[in-house]
PDB file of N, CA and C in Angstrom:
ATOM      1  N   MET A   1     104.023 146.490  72.925  1.00  0.00           N
ATOM      2  CA  MET A   1     105.400 146.918  72.720  1.00  0.00           C
ATOM      3  C   MET A   1     106.012 146.077  71.603  1.00  0.00           C
ATOM      4  N   PRO A   2     106.476 146.715  70.541  1.00  0.00           N
ATOM      5  CA  PRO A   2     107.153 145.962  69.483  1.00  0.00           C
ATOM      6  C   PRO A   2     108.350 145.193  70.043  1.00  0.00           C
ATOM      7  N   ALA A   3     108.582 143.999  69.513  1.00  0.00           N
ATOM      8  CA  ALA A   3     109.573 143.072  70.071  1.00  0.00           C
ATOM      9  C   ALA A   3     110.975 143.663  70.161  1.00  0.00           C
ATOM     10  N   ARG A   4     111.478 144.266  69.107  1.00  0.00           N
ATOM     11  CA  ARG A   4     112.863 144.771  69.117  1.00  0.00           C
ATOM     12  C   ARG A   4     113.025 145.919  70.108  1.00  0.00           C
ATOM     13  N   LEU A   5     112.042 146.802  70.181  1.00  0.00           N
ATOM     14  CA  LEU A   5     112.106 147.895  71.154  1.00  0.00           C
ATOM     15  C   LEU A   5     112.043 147.338  72.567  1.00  0.00           C
ATOM     16  N   GLY A   6     111.180 146.372  72.803  1.00  0.00           N
ATOM     17  CA  GLY A   6     111.089 145.742  74.118  1.00  0.00           C
ATOM     18  C   GLY A   6     112.396 145.099  74.532  1.00  0.00           C
ATOM     19  N   ALA A   7     113.049 144.400  73.599  1.00  0.00           N
ATOM     20  CA  ALA A   7     114.336 143.762  73.905  1.00  0.00           C
ATOM     21  C   ALA A   7     115.398 144.807  74.232  1.00  0.00           C
ATOM     22  N   LEU A   8     115.417 145.881  73.491  1.00  0.00           N
ATOM     23  CA  LEU A   8     116.378 146.959  73.753  1.00  0.00           C
ATOM     24  C   LEU A   8     116.147 147.565  75.135  1.00  0.00           C
ATOM     25  N   LEU A   9     114.896 147.790  75.488  1.00  0.00           N
ATOM     26  CA  LEU A   9     114.582 148.378  76.796  1.00  0.00           C
ATOM     27  C   LEU A   9     114.936 147.434  77.941  1.00  0.00           C
ATOM     28  N   ARG A  10     114.793 146.131  77.731  1.00  0.00           N
ATOM     29  CA  ARG A  10     115.195 145.177  78.770  1.00  0.00           C
ATOM     30  C   ARG A  10     116.711 145.204  78.981  1.00  0.00           C
ATOM     31  N   GLU A  11     117.456 145.496  77.926  1.00  0.00           N
ATOM     32  CA  GLU A  11     118.916 145.563  78.022  1.00  0.00           C
ATOM     33  C   GLU A  11     119.403 146.902  78.569  1.00  0.00           C
ATOM     34  N   THR A  12     118.731 148.003  78.222  1.00  0.00           N
ATOM     35  CA  THR A  12     119.287 149.330  78.488  1.00  0.00           C
ATOM     36  C   THR A  12     118.399 150.264  79.288  1.00  0.00           C
ATOM     37  N   ASP A  13     117.095 150.114  79.205  1.00  0.00           N
ATOM     38  CA  ASP A  13     116.120 151.078  79.730  1.00  0.00           C
ATOM     39  C   ASP A  13     116.431 152.499  79.278  1.00  0.00           C
ATOM     40  N   GLY A  14     116.695 152.631  77.980  1.00  0.00           N
ATOM     41  CA  GLY A  14     116.929 153.939  77.378  1.00  0.00           C
ATOM     42  C   GLY A  14     118.323 154.056  76.807  1.00  0.00           C
ATOM     43  N   VAL A  15     118.446 154.949  75.817  1.00  0.00           N
ATOM     44  CA  VAL A  15     119.735 155.200  75.178  1.00  0.00           C
ATOM     45  C   VAL A  15     119.876 156.703  74.986  1.00  0.00           C
ATOM     46  N   ALA A  16     120.991 157.249  75.460  1.00  0.00           N
ATOM     47  CA  ALA A  16     121.267 158.679  75.293  1.00  0.00           C
ATOM     48  C   ALA A  16     122.319 158.859  74.216  1.00  0.00           C
ATOM     49  N   GLY A  17     122.162 159.918  73.422  1.00  0.00           N
ATOM     50  CA  GLY A  17     123.150 160.260  72.405  1.00  0.00           C
ATOM     51  C   GLY A  17     124.304 161.041  73.009  1.00  0.00           C
ATOM     52  N   ALA A  18     125.235 161.424  72.153  1.00  0.00           N
ATOM     53  CA  ALA A  18     126.460 162.099  72.587  1.00  0.00           C
ATOM     54  C   ALA A  18     126.194 163.399  73.337  1.00  0.00           C
ATOM     55  N   TYR A  19     125.154 164.114  72.990  1.00  0.00           N
ATOM     56  CA  TYR A  19     124.869 165.401  73.626  1.00  0.00           C
ATOM     57  C   TYR A  19     123.684 165.307  74.574  1.00  0.00           C
ATOM     58  N   GLY A  20     123.408 164.102  75.060  1.00  0.00           N
ATOM     59  CA  GLY A  20     122.313 163.906  75.999  1.00  0.00           C
ATOM     60  C   GLY A  20     120.946 163.776  75.357  1.00  0.00           C
ATOM     61  N   THR A  21     120.901 163.694  74.038  1.00  0.00           N
ATOM     62  CA  THR A  21     119.629 163.515  73.337  1.00  0.00           C
ATOM     63  C   THR A  21     119.032 162.174  73.722  1.00  0.00           C
ATOM     64  N   ASP A  22     117.742 162.147  73.978  1.00  0.00           N
ATOM     65  CA  ASP A  22     117.049 160.910  74.347  1.00  0.00           C
ATOM     66  C   ASP A  22     116.735 160.094  73.098  1.00  0.00           C
ATOM     67  N   VAL A  23     117.739 159.383  72.600  1.00  0.00           N
ATOM     68  CA  VAL A  23     117.587 158.563  71.403  1.00  0.00           C
ATOM     69  C   VAL A  23     116.496 157.520  71.629  1.00  0.00           C
ATOM     70  N   VAL A  24     116.509 156.883  72.800  1.00  0.00           N
ATOM     71  CA  VAL A  24     115.433 155.983  73.241  1.00  0.00           C
ATOM     72  C   VAL A  24     115.165 156.336  74.698  1.00  0.00           C
ATOM     73  N   TRP A  25     113.932 156.704  74.985  1.00  0.00           N
ATOM     74  CA  TRP A  25     113.553 157.059  76.355  1.00  0.00           C
ATOM     75  C   TRP A  25     113.540 155.826  77.259  1.00  0.00           C
ATOM     76  N   PRO A  26     113.723 156.014  78.555  1.00  0.00           N
ATOM     77  CA  PRO A  26     113.489 154.917  79.501  1.00  0.00           C
ATOM     78  C   PRO A  26     112.018 154.495  79.422  1.00  0.00           C
ATOM     79  N   LEU A  27     111.735 153.263  79.783  1.00  0.00           N
ATOM     80  CA  LEU A  27     110.379 152.722  79.680  1.00  0.00           C
ATOM     81  C   LEU A  27     109.345 153.599  80.379  1.00  0.00           C
ATOM     82  N   ALA A  28     109.627 154.070  81.578  1.00  0.00           N
ATOM     83  CA  ALA A  28     108.658 154.892  82.312  1.00  0.00           C
ATOM     84  C   ALA A  28     108.309 156.155  81.533  1.00  0.00           C
ATOM     85  N   HIS A  29     109.289 156.742  80.853  1.00  0.00           N
ATOM     86  CA  HIS A  29     109.031 157.961  80.070  1.00  0.00           C
ATOM     87  C   HIS A  29     108.228 157.632  78.807  1.00  0.00           C
ATOM     88  N   ILE A  30     108.502 156.472  78.202  1.00  0.00           N
ATOM     89  CA  ILE A  30     107.712 156.040  77.041  1.00  0.00           C
ATOM     90  C   ILE A  30     106.244 155.921  77.433  1.00  0.00           C
ATOM     91  N   VAL A  31     105.982 155.276  78.561  1.00  0.00           N
ATOM     92  CA  VAL A  31     104.603 155.111  79.030  1.00  0.00           C
ATOM     93  C   VAL A  31     103.972 156.474  79.298  1.00  0.00           C
ATOM     94  N   GLU A  32     104.666 157.322  80.033  1.00  0.00           N
ATOM     95  CA  GLU A  32     104.146 158.652  80.392  1.00  0.00           C
ATOM     96  C   GLU A  32     103.813 159.482  79.152  1.00  0.00           C
ATOM     97  N   GLN A  33     104.750 159.546  78.204  1.00  0.00           N
ATOM     98  CA  GLN A  33     104.544 160.375  77.015  1.00  0.00           C
ATOM     99  C   GLN A  33     103.439 159.828  76.112  1.00  0.00           C
ATOM    100  N   ASN A  34     103.375 158.516  75.953  1.00  0.00           N
ATOM    101  CA  ASN A  34     102.332 157.959  75.096  1.00  0.00           C
ATOM    102  C   ASN A  34     100.951 158.117  75.710  1.00  0.00           C
ATOM    103  N   LEU A  35     100.833 157.983  77.010  1.00  0.00           N
ATOM    104  CA  LEU A  35      99.536 158.233  77.649  1.00  0.00           C
ATOM    105  C   LEU A  35      99.104 159.671  77.413  1.00  0.00           C
ATOM    106  N   LEU A  36     100.051 160.607  77.476  1.00  0.00           N
ATOM    107  CA  LEU A  36      99.747 162.015  77.212  1.00  0.00           C
ATOM    108  C   LEU A  36      99.313 162.210  75.761  1.00  0.00           C
ATOM    109  N   PHE A  37     100.067 161.674  74.822  1.00  0.00           N
ATOM    110  CA  PHE A  37      99.739 161.835  73.400  1.00  0.00           C
ATOM    111  C   PHE A  37      98.441 161.130  73.037  1.00  0.00           C
ATOM    112  N   TRP A  38      98.228 159.947  73.588  1.00  0.00           N
ATOM    113  CA  TRP A  38      97.028 159.185  73.237  1.00  0.00           C
ATOM    114  C   TRP A  38      95.765 159.725  73.885  1.00  0.00           C
ATOM    115  N   SER A  39      95.873 160.472  74.973  1.00  0.00           N
ATOM    116  CA  SER A  39      94.684 160.959  75.671  1.00  0.00           C
ATOM    117  C   SER A  39      93.858 161.876  74.781  1.00  0.00           C
ATOM    118  N   GLY A  40      94.515 162.566  73.872  1.00  0.00           N
ATOM    119  CA  GLY A  40      93.779 163.457  72.977  1.00  0.00           C
ATOM    120  C   GLY A  40      93.432 164.784  73.597  1.00  0.00           C
ATOM    121  N   GLU A  41      93.339 164.859  74.913  1.00  0.00           N
ATOM    122  CA  GLU A  41      92.911 166.081  75.575  1.00  0.00           C
ATOM    123  C   GLU A  41      93.928 167.206  75.407  1.00  0.00           C
ATOM    124  N   ALA A  42      95.196 166.922  75.587  1.00  0.00           N
ATOM    125  CA  ALA A  42      96.225 167.954  75.521  1.00  0.00           C
ATOM    126  C   ALA A  42      96.439 168.470  74.102  1.00  0.00           C
ATOM    127  N   PHE A  43      96.180 167.623  73.111  1.00  0.00           N
ATOM    128  CA  PHE A  43      96.501 167.982  71.740  1.00  0.00           C
ATOM    129  C   PHE A  43      95.285 168.079  70.826  1.00  0.00           C
ATOM    130  N   ALA A  44      94.086 167.946  71.392  1.00  0.00           N
ATOM    131  CA  ALA A  44      92.863 167.981  70.583  1.00  0.00           C
ATOM    132  C   ALA A  44      92.811 169.283  69.793  1.00  0.00           C
ATOM    133  N   GLY A  45      92.546 169.163  68.519  1.00  0.00           N
ATOM    134  CA  GLY A  45      92.439 170.329  67.653  1.00  0.00           C
ATOM    135  C   GLY A  45      93.771 170.841  67.132  1.00  0.00           C
ATOM    136  N   LEU A  46      94.873 170.438  67.753  1.00  0.00           N
ATOM    137  CA  LEU A  46      96.191 170.884  67.291  1.00  0.00           C
ATOM    138  C   LEU A  46      96.814 169.917  66.303  1.00  0.00           C
ATOM    139  N   TYR A  47      96.669 168.611  66.598  1.00  0.00           N
ATOM    140  CA  TYR A  47      97.335 167.589  65.810  1.00  0.00           C
ATOM    141  C   TYR A  47      96.362 166.467  65.471  1.00  0.00           C
ATOM    142  N   ARG A  48      96.765 165.674  64.490  1.00  0.00           N
ATOM    143  CA  ARG A  48      95.993 164.477  64.150  1.00  0.00           C
ATOM    144  C   ARG A  48      96.074 163.484  65.318  1.00  0.00           C
ATOM    145  N   PRO A  49      95.205 162.500  65.377  1.00  0.00           N
ATOM    146  CA  PRO A  49      95.271 161.498  66.453  1.00  0.00           C
ATOM    147  C   PRO A  49      96.580 160.700  66.389  1.00  0.00           C
ATOM    148  N   PHE A  50      97.069 160.300  67.549  1.00  0.00           N
ATOM    149  CA  PHE A  50      98.336 159.575  67.656  1.00  0.00           C
ATOM    150  C   PHE A  50      98.148 158.094  67.981  1.00  0.00           C
ATOM    151  N   ASP A  51      96.930 157.578  67.886  1.00  0.00           N
ATOM    152  CA  ASP A  51      96.622 156.207  68.300  1.00  0.00           C
ATOM    153  C   ASP A  51      97.509 155.144  67.654  1.00  0.00           C
ATOM    154  N   ALA A  52      97.912 155.342  66.406  1.00  0.00           N
ATOM    155  CA  ALA A  52      98.674 154.326  65.684  1.00  0.00           C
ATOM    156  C   ALA A  52     100.173 154.391  65.961  1.00  0.00           C
ATOM    157  N   LEU A  53     100.622 155.404  66.702  1.00  0.00           N
ATOM    158  CA  LEU A  53     102.050 155.602  66.933  1.00  0.00           C
ATOM    159  C   LEU A  53     102.448 155.261  68.361  1.00  0.00           C
ATOM    160  N   LEU A  54     103.669 154.773  68.507  1.00  0.00           N
ATOM    161  CA  LEU A  54     104.281 154.568  69.814  1.00  0.00           C
ATOM    162  C   LEU A  54     105.545 155.415  69.836  1.00  0.00           C
ATOM    163  N   PHE A  55     105.490 156.527  70.545  1.00  0.00           N
ATOM    164  CA  PHE A  55     106.650 157.407  70.655  1.00  0.00           C
ATOM    165  C   PHE A  55     107.653 156.786  71.617  1.00  0.00           C
ATOM    166  N   PHE A  56     108.949 156.858  71.248  1.00  0.00           N
ATOM    167  CA  PHE A  56     109.965 156.219  72.092  1.00  0.00           C
ATOM    168  C   PHE A  56     111.232 157.053  72.257  1.00  0.00           C
ATOM    169  N   GLY A  57     111.303 158.216  71.645  1.00  0.00           N
ATOM    170  CA  GLY A  57     112.496 159.054  71.758  1.00  0.00           C
ATOM    171  C   GLY A  57     112.259 160.393  71.100  1.00  0.00           C
ATOM    172  N   ASP A  58     113.271 161.252  71.155  1.00  0.00           N
ATOM    173  CA  ASP A  58     113.152 162.548  70.499  1.00  0.00           C
ATOM    174  C   ASP A  58     114.497 162.966  69.933  1.00  0.00           C
ATOM    175  N   ASN A  59     114.477 164.027  69.142  1.00  0.00           N
ATOM    176  CA  ASN A  59     115.703 164.488  68.500  1.00  0.00           C
ATOM    177  C   ASN A  59     116.316 165.690  69.202  1.00  0.00           C
ATOM    178  N   GLY A  60     115.794 166.064  70.339  1.00  0.00           N
ATOM    179  CA  GLY A  60     116.331 167.188  71.082  1.00  0.00           C
ATOM    180  C   GLY A  60     115.783 168.536  70.655  1.00  0.00           C
ATOM    181  N   GLY A  61     114.975 168.559  69.606  1.00  0.00           N
ATOM    182  CA  GLY A  61     114.424 169.812  69.110  1.00  0.00           C
ATOM    183  C   GLY A  61     112.912 169.860  69.149  1.00  0.00           C
ATOM    184  N   GLY A  62     112.291 168.914  69.847  1.00  0.00           N
ATOM    185  CA  GLY A  62     110.837 168.902  69.961  1.00  0.00           C
ATOM    186  C   GLY A  62     110.142 167.879  69.092  1.00  0.00           C
ATOM    187  N   ASP A  63     110.858 167.315  68.119  1.00  0.00           N
ATOM    188  CA  ASP A  63     110.265 166.291  67.265  1.00  0.00           C
ATOM    189  C   ASP A  63     110.427 164.932  67.934  1.00  0.00           C
ATOM    190  N   GLN A  64     109.436 164.076  67.750  1.00  0.00           N
ATOM    191  CA  GLN A  64     109.393 162.774  68.423  1.00  0.00           C
ATOM    192  C   GLN A  64     109.660 161.650  67.429  1.00  0.00           C
ATOM    193  N   LEU A  65     110.308 160.593  67.902  1.00  0.00           N
ATOM    194  CA  LEU A  65     110.542 159.400  67.108  1.00  0.00           C
ATOM    195  C   LEU A  65     109.500 158.363  67.497  1.00  0.00           C
ATOM    196  N   ALA A  66     108.990 157.641  66.503  1.00  0.00           N
ATOM    197  CA  ALA A  66     107.884 156.721  66.759  1.00  0.00           C
ATOM    198  C   ALA A  66     107.943 155.495  65.863  1.00  0.00           C
ATOM    199  N   LEU A  67     107.329 154.447  66.359  1.00  0.00           N
ATOM    200  CA  LEU A  67     107.036 153.251  65.577  1.00  0.00           C
ATOM    201  C   LEU A  67     105.541 153.243  65.309  1.00  0.00           C
ATOM    202  N   VAL A  68     105.139 152.721  64.168  1.00  0.00           N
ATOM    203  CA  VAL A  68     103.723 152.535  63.878  1.00  0.00           C
ATOM    204  C   VAL A  68     103.323 151.203  64.480  1.00  0.00           C
ATOM    205  N   VAL A  69     102.323 151.215  65.345  1.00  0.00           N
ATOM    206  CA  VAL A  69     101.904 149.983  66.022  1.00  0.00           C
ATOM    207  C   VAL A  69     100.555 149.468  65.543  1.00  0.00           C
ATOM    208  N   ALA A  70      99.853 150.242  64.731  1.00  0.00           N
ATOM    209  CA  ALA A  70      98.564 149.788  64.215  1.00  0.00           C
ATOM    210  C   ALA A  70      98.411 150.265  62.768  1.00  0.00           C
ATOM    211  N   PRO A  71      98.675 149.406  61.798  1.00  0.00           N
ATOM    212  CA  PRO A  71      99.211 148.056  61.907  1.00  0.00           C
ATOM    213  C   PRO A  71     100.709 148.114  62.205  1.00  0.00           C
ATOM    214  N   GLU A  72     101.193 147.140  62.950  1.00  0.00           N
ATOM    215  CA  GLU A  72     102.587 147.139  63.384  1.00  0.00           C
ATOM    216  C   GLU A  72     103.532 147.030  62.193  1.00  0.00           C
ATOM    217  N   ARG A  73     104.563 147.869  62.226  1.00  0.00           N
ATOM    218  CA  ARG A  73     105.625 147.809  61.223  1.00  0.00           C
ATOM    219  C   ARG A  73     106.936 148.190  61.883  1.00  0.00           C
ATOM    220  N   ASP A  74     108.037 147.785  61.285  1.00  0.00           N
ATOM    221  CA  ASP A  74     109.356 147.995  61.877  1.00  0.00           C
ATOM    222  C   ASP A  74     109.904 149.396  61.669  1.00  0.00           C
ATOM    223  N   ASP A  75     109.429 150.109  60.668  1.00  0.00           N
ATOM    224  CA  ASP A  75     109.980 151.416  60.319  1.00  0.00           C
ATOM    225  C   ASP A  75     109.881 152.415  61.459  1.00  0.00           C
ATOM    226  N   VAL A  76     110.899 153.286  61.542  1.00  0.00           N
ATOM    227  CA  VAL A  76     110.929 154.366  62.521  1.00  0.00           C
ATOM    228  C   VAL A  76     110.613 155.663  61.786  1.00  0.00           C
ATOM    229  N   PHE A  77     109.750 156.466  62.391  1.00  0.00           N
ATOM    230  CA  PHE A  77     109.340 157.743  61.810  1.00  0.00           C
ATOM    231  C   PHE A  77     109.675 158.870  62.765  1.00  0.00           C
ATOM    232  N   VAL A  78     109.981 160.039  62.216  1.00  0.00           N
ATOM    233  CA  VAL A  78     110.101 161.241  63.025  1.00  0.00           C
ATOM    234  C   VAL A  78     108.821 162.035  62.795  1.00  0.00           C
ATOM    235  N   TRP A  79     108.212 162.488  63.896  1.00  0.00           N
ATOM    236  CA  TRP A  79     107.016 163.324  63.825  1.00  0.00           C
ATOM    237  C   TRP A  79     107.440 164.753  64.110  1.00  0.00           C
ATOM    238  N   ASP A  80     107.160 165.642  63.159  1.00  0.00           N
ATOM    239  CA  ASP A  80     107.508 167.053  63.272  1.00  0.00           C
ATOM    240  C   ASP A  80     106.394 167.781  64.016  1.00  0.00           C
ATOM    241  N   HIS A  81     106.708 168.306  65.185  1.00  0.00           N
ATOM    242  CA  HIS A  81     105.698 168.952  66.030  1.00  0.00           C
ATOM    243  C   HIS A  81     105.221 170.282  65.460  1.00  0.00           C
ATOM    244  N   GLU A  82     105.980 170.887  64.544  1.00  0.00           N
ATOM    245  CA  GLU A  82     105.570 172.164  63.965  1.00  0.00           C
ATOM    246  C   GLU A  82     104.610 171.992  62.797  1.00  0.00           C
ATOM    247  N   THR A  83     104.781 170.926  62.026  1.00  0.00           N
ATOM    248  CA  THR A  83     103.955 170.731  60.832  1.00  0.00           C
ATOM    249  C   THR A  83     102.965 169.586  60.960  1.00  0.00           C
ATOM    250  N   ASP A  84     103.037 168.817  62.044  1.00  0.00           N
ATOM    251  CA  ASP A  84     102.208 167.628  62.243  1.00  0.00           C
ATOM    252  C   ASP A  84     102.372 166.640  61.085  1.00  0.00           C
ATOM    253  N   SER A  85     103.598 166.568  60.565  1.00  0.00           N
ATOM    254  CA  SER A  85     103.894 165.622  59.497  1.00  0.00           C
ATOM    255  C   SER A  85     104.890 164.592  60.018  1.00  0.00           C
ATOM    256  N   SER A  86     105.012 163.505  59.297  1.00  0.00           N
ATOM    257  CA  SER A  86     105.974 162.483  59.702  1.00  0.00           C
ATOM    258  C   SER A  86     106.737 162.003  58.480  1.00  0.00           C
ATOM    259  N   MET A  87     107.956 161.505  58.744  1.00  0.00           N
ATOM    260  CA  MET A  87     108.813 161.017  57.686  1.00  0.00           C
ATOM    261  C   MET A  87     109.543 159.770  58.175  1.00  0.00           C
ATOM    262  N   ARG A  88     109.639 158.780  57.318  1.00  0.00           N
ATOM    263  CA  ARG A  88     110.360 157.550  57.637  1.00  0.00           C
ATOM    264  C   ARG A  88     111.852 157.864  57.694  1.00  0.00           C
ATOM    265  N   VAL A  89     112.497 157.479  58.810  1.00  0.00           N
ATOM    266  CA  VAL A  89     113.921 157.769  58.978  1.00  0.00           C
ATOM    267  C   VAL A  89     114.775 156.524  59.130  1.00  0.00           C
ATOM    268  N   ALA A  90     114.158 155.375  59.313  1.00  0.00           N
ATOM    269  CA  ALA A  90     114.913 154.127  59.440  1.00  0.00           C
ATOM    270  C   ALA A  90     113.992 152.942  59.196  1.00  0.00           C
ATOM    271  N   GLY A  91     114.588 151.847  58.741  1.00  0.00           N
ATOM    272  CA  GLY A  91     113.836 150.630  58.465  1.00  0.00           C
ATOM    273  C   GLY A  91     113.585 149.777  59.690  1.00  0.00           C
ATOM    274  N   GLY A  92     114.105 150.189  60.827  1.00  0.00           N
ATOM    275  CA  GLY A  92     113.911 149.452  62.076  1.00  0.00           C
ATOM    276  C   GLY A  92     114.739 150.090  63.179  1.00  0.00           C
ATOM    277  N   ILE A  93     114.602 149.563  64.373  1.00  0.00           N
ATOM    278  CA  ILE A  93     115.304 150.104  65.540  1.00  0.00           C
ATOM    279  C   ILE A  93     116.819 150.048  65.353  1.00  0.00           C
ATOM    280  N   ASP A  94     117.343 148.955  64.834  1.00  0.00           N
ATOM    281  CA  ASP A  94     118.796 148.830  64.679  1.00  0.00           C
ATOM    282  C   ASP A  94     119.348 149.892  63.728  1.00  0.00           C
ATOM    283  N   GLU A  95     118.686 150.086  62.599  1.00  0.00           N
ATOM    284  CA  GLU A  95     119.125 151.110  61.653  1.00  0.00           C
ATOM    285  C   GLU A  95     118.975 152.503  62.273  1.00  0.00           C
ATOM    286  N   TYR A  96     117.892 152.720  62.993  1.00  0.00           N
ATOM    287  CA  TYR A  96     117.690 153.997  63.680  1.00  0.00           C
ATOM    288  C   TYR A  96     118.831 154.282  64.649  1.00  0.00           C
ATOM    289  N   LEU A  97     119.206 153.291  65.471  1.00  0.00           N
ATOM    290  CA  LEU A  97     120.298 153.488  66.432  1.00  0.00           C
ATOM    291  C   LEU A  97     121.610 153.779  65.717  1.00  0.00           C
ATOM    292  N   ARG A  98     121.872 153.073  64.633  1.00  0.00           N
ATOM    293  CA  ARG A  98     123.096 153.317  63.867  1.00  0.00           C
ATOM    294  C   ARG A  98     123.146 154.751  63.370  1.00  0.00           C
ATOM    295  N   ARG A  99     122.034 155.235  62.804  1.00  0.00           N
ATOM    296  CA  ARG A  99     121.995 156.604  62.280  1.00  0.00           C
ATOM    297  C   ARG A  99     122.043 157.630  63.405  1.00  0.00           C
ATOM    298  N   ALA A 100     121.275 157.428  64.443  1.00  0.00           N
ATOM    299  CA  ALA A 100     121.175 158.414  65.520  1.00  0.00           C
ATOM    300  C   ALA A 100     122.442 158.497  66.353  1.00  0.00           C
ATOM    301  N   LEU A 101     123.163 157.392  66.490  1.00  0.00           N
ATOM    302  CA  LEU A 101     124.353 157.367  67.344  1.00  0.00           C
ATOM    303  C   LEU A 101     125.660 157.522  66.574  1.00  0.00           C
ATOM    304  N   ALA A 102     125.589 157.610  65.248  1.00  0.00           N
ATOM    305  CA  ALA A 102     126.796 157.837  64.456  1.00  0.00           C
ATOM    306  C   ALA A 102     127.363 159.207  64.834  1.00  0.00           C
ATOM    307  N   PRO A 103     128.682 159.379  64.736  1.00  0.00           N
ATOM    308  CA  PRO A 103     129.252 160.702  65.035  1.00  0.00           C
ATOM    309  C   PRO A 103     128.554 161.774  64.202  1.00  0.00           C
ATOM    310  N   ASP A 104     127.904 162.707  64.879  1.00  0.00           N
ATOM    311  CA  ASP A 104     127.113 163.771  64.245  1.00  0.00           C
ATOM    312  C   ASP A 104     126.008 163.240  63.345  1.00  0.00           C
ATOM    313  N   GLY A 105     125.523 162.022  63.591  1.00  0.00           N
ATOM    314  CA  GLY A 105     124.487 161.430  62.745  1.00  0.00           C
ATOM    315  C   GLY A 105     125.066 161.123  61.376  1.00  0.00           C
ATOM    316  N   ASP A 106     124.280 160.563  60.485  1.00  0.00           N
ATOM    317  CA  ASP A 106     124.761 160.201  59.146  1.00  0.00           C
ATOM    318  C   ASP A 106     125.196 161.420  58.337  1.00  0.00           C
ATOM    319  N   GLU A 107     124.411 162.479  58.360  1.00  0.00           N
ATOM    320  CA  GLU A 107     124.668 163.643  57.512  1.00  0.00           C
ATOM    321  C   GLU A 107     124.856 164.910  58.327  1.00  0.00           C
ATOM    322  N   GLY A 108     125.200 164.789  59.582  1.00  0.00           N
ATOM    323  CA  GLY A 108     125.346 165.955  60.429  1.00  0.00           C
ATOM    324  C   GLY A 108     124.325 165.918  61.545  1.00  0.00           C
ATOM    325  N   GLY A 109     124.238 166.970  62.316  1.00  0.00           N
ATOM    326  CA  GLY A 109     123.379 167.020  63.482  1.00  0.00           C
ATOM    327  C   GLY A 109     121.906 166.811  63.208  1.00  0.00           C
ATOM    328  N   ASP A 110     121.455 167.151  62.012  1.00  0.00           N
ATOM    329  CA  ASP A 110     120.041 166.991  61.662  1.00  0.00           C
ATOM    330  C   ASP A 110     119.847 165.764  60.767  1.00  0.00           C
ATOM    331  N   TRP A 111     120.440 164.657  61.136  1.00  0.00           N
ATOM    332  CA  TRP A 111     120.436 163.450  60.307  1.00  0.00           C
ATOM    333  C   TRP A 111     119.039 163.011  59.908  1.00  0.00           C
ATOM    334  N   TRP A 112     118.045 163.216  60.773  1.00  0.00           N
ATOM    335  CA  TRP A 112     116.683 162.737  60.499  1.00  0.00           C
ATOM    336  C   TRP A 112     116.026 163.494  59.355  1.00  0.00           C
ATOM    337  N   ARG A 113     116.568 164.619  58.957  1.00  0.00           N
ATOM    338  CA  ARG A 113     115.989 165.403  57.860  1.00  0.00           C
ATOM    339  C   ARG A 113     116.396 164.871  56.485  1.00  0.00           C
ATOM    340  N   TYR A 114     117.369 163.964  56.461  1.00  0.00           N
ATOM    341  CA  TYR A 114     117.879 163.443  55.201  1.00  0.00           C
ATOM    342  C   TYR A 114     117.204 162.131  54.871  1.00  0.00           C
ATOM    343  N   PRO A 115     116.815 161.950  53.612  1.00  0.00           N
ATOM    344  CA  PRO A 115     116.154 160.684  53.243  1.00  0.00           C
ATOM    345  C   PRO A 115     117.083 159.500  53.423  1.00  0.00           C
ATOM    346  N   LEU A 116     116.473 158.369  53.614  1.00  0.00           N
ATOM    347  CA  LEU A 116     117.246 157.129  53.723  1.00  0.00           C
ATOM    348  C   LEU A 116     117.917 156.842  52.398  1.00  0.00           C
ATOM    349  N   ARG A 117     119.112 156.333  52.460  1.00  0.00           N
ATOM    350  CA  ARG A 117     119.789 155.923  51.244  1.00  0.00           C
ATOM    351  C   ARG A 117     119.026 154.756  50.631  1.00  0.00           C
ATOM    352  N   GLY A 118     118.809 154.819  49.333  1.00  0.00           N
ATOM    353  CA  GLY A 118     118.093 153.747  48.665  1.00  0.00           C
ATOM    354  C   GLY A 118     116.585 153.884  48.774  1.00  0.00           C
ATOM    355  N   SER A 119     116.092 154.982  49.361  1.00  0.00           N
ATOM    356  CA  SER A 119     114.642 155.173  49.497  1.00  0.00           C
ATOM    357  C   SER A 119     114.098 155.952  48.319  1.00  0.00           C
TER     358      SER A 119
END
C-alpha cells in the first residue's frame, strides 16, 4: 500500500464525492476489487494485465482510478474500461482529491478527461 493512500485510509476508510462517487474506496473494497482485477481470470483476453496497478476508486462511469505500484510512483491514473487505456490525472493523492472533490471537478463533471495544467 503506498504510504499516502494508506495514511488517508487510516483517517477516513474511503472518501465519497458530492454525488456519492467513490473517490476513494473503503479498504475492504480496495482489497476485493484488486484481487478481482489481479486474478486475470475475469478479464483474461479482454484487457492488459493489471499487476502494476492498485485500483482505489472510480469516477462513477465505470472507469477506475489507480496508482502504479510496480515500480511505485505517486501519480494517479484513470483507466478507461472501454478502451483499456490510461491517462495521468494527478501528481499524487492530494492533487487527485483536490481535483475530484472540487465543485463539479476542475473542468466540470468529467474533470478526469482534461489534461493536467502544466502537463
